[in-house]
Amino acid sequence: MNLQDTLYNWLSIKKVYEERQDDMAAKDTFEFFEEILRDDHHLENISIDKKPPMYIVSYTIEGEEQSKQFPIELIDALYESIESEPKYN
């Protein structure tokens, strides 16, 4: 999985896990994507800044600082979809 897709999935499930601390599936999925970022893509020092309309994810790869931006509305869509589904609440 490429870095862009991994970050997108990681950030989306991070939002879900932060909002649903008792959701073990969200926790496991978050940890899975975090492991991919760390082990496969070698990311360190990951930080997130929310500056509407974007989330800005900053990180270091092999000493080089980089960042990617993701629309808040797309990242939050997974959480909102889960919350609107009665069987998950």
C-alpha atoms as a PDB file:
ATOM      1  CA  MET A   1       0.000   0.000   0.000  1.00  0.00           C
ATOM      2  CA  ASN A   2       1.430   3.384  -0.925  1.00  0.00           C
ATOM      3  CA  LEU A   3       2.117   6.066   1.693  1.00  0.00           C
ATOM      4  CA  GLN A   4      -0.761   8.350   0.645  1.00  0.00           C
ATOM      5  CA  ASP A   5      -3.344   5.561   0.994  1.00  0.00           C
ATOM      6  CA  THR A   6      -1.868   4.330   4.256  1.00  0.00           C
ATOM      7  CA  LEU A   7      -1.942   7.804   5.783  1.00  0.00           C
ATOM      8  CA  TYR A   8      -5.528   8.323   4.599  1.00  0.00           C
ATOM      9  CA  ASN A   9      -6.682   5.042   6.144  1.00  0.00           C
ATOM     10  CA  TRP A  10      -4.670   5.610   9.322  1.00  0.00           C
ATOM     11  CA  LEU A  11      -6.076   9.108   9.817  1.00  0.00           C
ATOM     12  CA  SER A  12      -9.652   7.976   9.110  1.00  0.00           C
ATOM     13  CA  ILE A  13      -9.527   5.115  11.612  1.00  0.00           C
ATOM     14  CA  LYS A  14      -7.646   7.294  14.123  1.00  0.00           C
ATOM     15  CA  LYS A  15     -10.656   9.635  14.126  1.00  0.00           C
ATOM     16  CA  VAL A  16     -12.981   6.667  14.716  1.00  0.00           C
ATOM     17  CA  TYR A  17     -10.830   5.249  17.504  1.00  0.00           C
ATOM     18  CA  GLU A  18     -10.473   8.616  19.265  1.00  0.00           C
ATOM     19  CA  GLU A  19     -14.253   9.051  19.251  1.00  0.00           C
ATOM     20  CA  ARG A  20     -15.033   5.417  20.133  1.00  0.00           C
ATOM     21  CA  GLN A  21     -12.424   4.396  22.719  1.00  0.00           C
ATOM     22  CA  ASP A  22     -14.273   1.140  23.541  1.00  0.00           C
ATOM     23  CA  ASP A  23     -14.367   0.018  19.900  1.00  0.00           C
ATOM     24  CA  MET A  24     -11.755  -2.752  19.833  1.00  0.00           C
ATOM     25  CA  ALA A  25     -12.045  -3.237  16.058  1.00  0.00           C
ATOM     26  CA  ALA A  26     -11.191   0.446  15.563  1.00  0.00           C
ATOM     27  CA  LYS A  27      -8.270   0.106  17.988  1.00  0.00           C
ATOM     28  CA  ASP A  28      -6.900  -2.961  16.210  1.00  0.00           C
ATOM     29  CA  THR A  29      -7.277  -1.363  12.778  1.00  0.00           C
ATOM     30  CA  PHE A  30      -5.636   1.852  13.950  1.00  0.00           C
ATOM     31  CA  GLU A  31      -2.688  -0.118  15.343  1.00  0.00           C
ATOM     32  CA  PHE A  32      -2.435  -2.098  12.081  1.00  0.00           C
ATOM     33  CA  PHE A  33      -2.101   1.062   9.968  1.00  0.00           C
ATOM     34  CA  GLU A  34       0.256   2.629  12.490  1.00  0.00           C
ATOM     35  CA  GLU A  35       2.489  -0.432  12.184  1.00  0.00           C
ATOM     36  CA  ILE A  36       2.511  -0.122   8.379  1.00  0.00           C
ATOM     37  CA  LEU A  37       3.479   3.554   8.641  1.00  0.00           C
ATOM     38  CA  ARG A  38       6.291   2.746  11.059  1.00  0.00           C
ATOM     39  CA  ASP A  39       7.611  -0.533   9.638  1.00  0.00           C
ATOM     40  CA  ASP A  40       6.963  -0.269   5.890  1.00  0.00           C
ATOM     41  CA  HIS A  41       7.183   3.487   5.317  1.00  0.00           C
ATOM     42  CA  HIS A  42       9.607   4.332   8.164  1.00  0.00           C
ATOM     43  CA  LEU A  43       7.611   7.307   9.466  1.00  0.00           C
ATOM     44  CA  GLU A  44       8.610   8.928  12.736  1.00  0.00           C
ATOM     45  CA  ASN A  45       7.383  11.951  14.694  1.00  0.00           C
ATOM     46  CA  ILE A  46       3.888  11.921  13.212  1.00  0.00           C
ATOM     47  CA  SER A  47       1.744  14.902  14.129  1.00  0.00           C
ATOM     48  CA  ILE A  48      -1.650  16.136  12.979  1.00  0.00           C
ATOM     49  CA  ASP A  49      -2.808  19.709  12.667  1.00  0.00           C
ATOM     50  CA  LYS A  50      -6.442  20.507  11.863  1.00  0.00           C
ATOM     51  CA  LYS A  51      -6.685  23.676   9.787  1.00  0.00           C
ATOM     52  CA  PRO A  52     -10.058  23.757   8.065  1.00  0.00           C
ATOM     53  CA  PRO A  53     -10.721  22.586   5.494  1.00  0.00           C
ATOM     54  CA  MET A  54      -7.740  20.214   5.864  1.00  0.00           C
ATOM     55  CA  TYR A  55      -5.953  17.873   8.213  1.00  0.00           C
ATOM     56  CA  ILE A  56      -2.208  18.301   7.824  1.00  0.00           C
ATOM     57  CA  VAL A  57      -0.161  15.246   8.738  1.00  0.00           C
ATOM     58  CA  SER A  58       3.517  16.015   9.338  1.00  0.00           C
ATOM     59  CA  TYR A  59       6.172  13.360   9.787  1.00  0.00           C
ATOM     60  CA  THR A  60       9.824  12.519   9.342  1.00  0.00           C
ATOM     61  CA  ILE A  61      11.220   9.873   6.995  1.00  0.00           C
ATOM     62  CA  GLU A  62      14.942   9.186   7.313  1.00  0.00           C
ATOM     63  CA  GLY A  63      15.535  12.615   8.837  1.00  0.00           C
ATOM     64  CA  GLU A  64      13.529  14.506   6.198  1.00  0.00           C
ATOM     65  CA  GLU A  65      10.430  16.394   7.331  1.00  0.00           C
ATOM     66  CA  GLN A  66       7.422  15.945   5.075  1.00  0.00           C
ATOM     67  CA  SER A  67       3.672  16.496   5.193  1.00  0.00           C
ATOM     68  CA  LYS A  68       0.477  15.576   3.398  1.00  0.00           C
ATOM     69  CA  GLN A  69      -2.953  17.194   3.511  1.00  0.00           C
ATOM     70  CA  PHE A  70      -6.356  15.526   3.600  1.00  0.00           C
ATOM     71  CA  PRO A  71      -9.810  17.150   3.449  1.00  0.00           C
ATOM     72  CA  ILE A  72     -11.479  17.049   6.871  1.00  0.00           C
ATOM     73  CA  GLU A  73     -14.792  16.081   5.293  1.00  0.00           C
ATOM     74  CA  LEU A  74     -13.288  12.947   3.669  1.00  0.00           C
ATOM     75  CA  ILE A  75     -11.390  11.833   6.776  1.00  0.00           C
ATOM     76  CA  ASP A  76     -14.387  12.317   9.072  1.00  0.00           C
ATOM     77  CA  ALA A  77     -16.730  10.485   6.668  1.00  0.00           C
ATOM     78  CA  LEU A  78     -15.883   7.031   8.061  1.00  0.00           C
ATOM     79  CA  TYR A  79     -16.687   8.083  11.632  1.00  0.00           C
ATOM     80  CA  GLU A  80     -19.902   9.799  10.567  1.00  0.00           C
ATOM     81  CA  SER A  81     -20.956   6.727   8.586  1.00  0.00           C
ATOM     82  CA  ILE A  82     -20.370   4.449  11.575  1.00  0.00           C
ATOM     83  CA  GLU A  83     -22.226   6.786  13.913  1.00  0.00           C
ATOM     84  CA  SER A  84     -25.234   6.971  11.620  1.00  0.00           C
ATOM     85  CA  GLU A  85     -25.562   3.169  11.447  1.00  0.00           C
ATOM     86  CA  PRO A  86     -27.822   1.975  14.303  1.00  0.00           C
ATOM     87  CA  LYS A  87     -26.259  -1.489  14.536  1.00  0.00           C
ATOM     88  CA  TYR A  88     -22.920   0.089  15.590  1.00  0.00           C
ATOM     89  CA  ASN A  89     -24.388   2.175  18.407  1.00  0.00           C
END
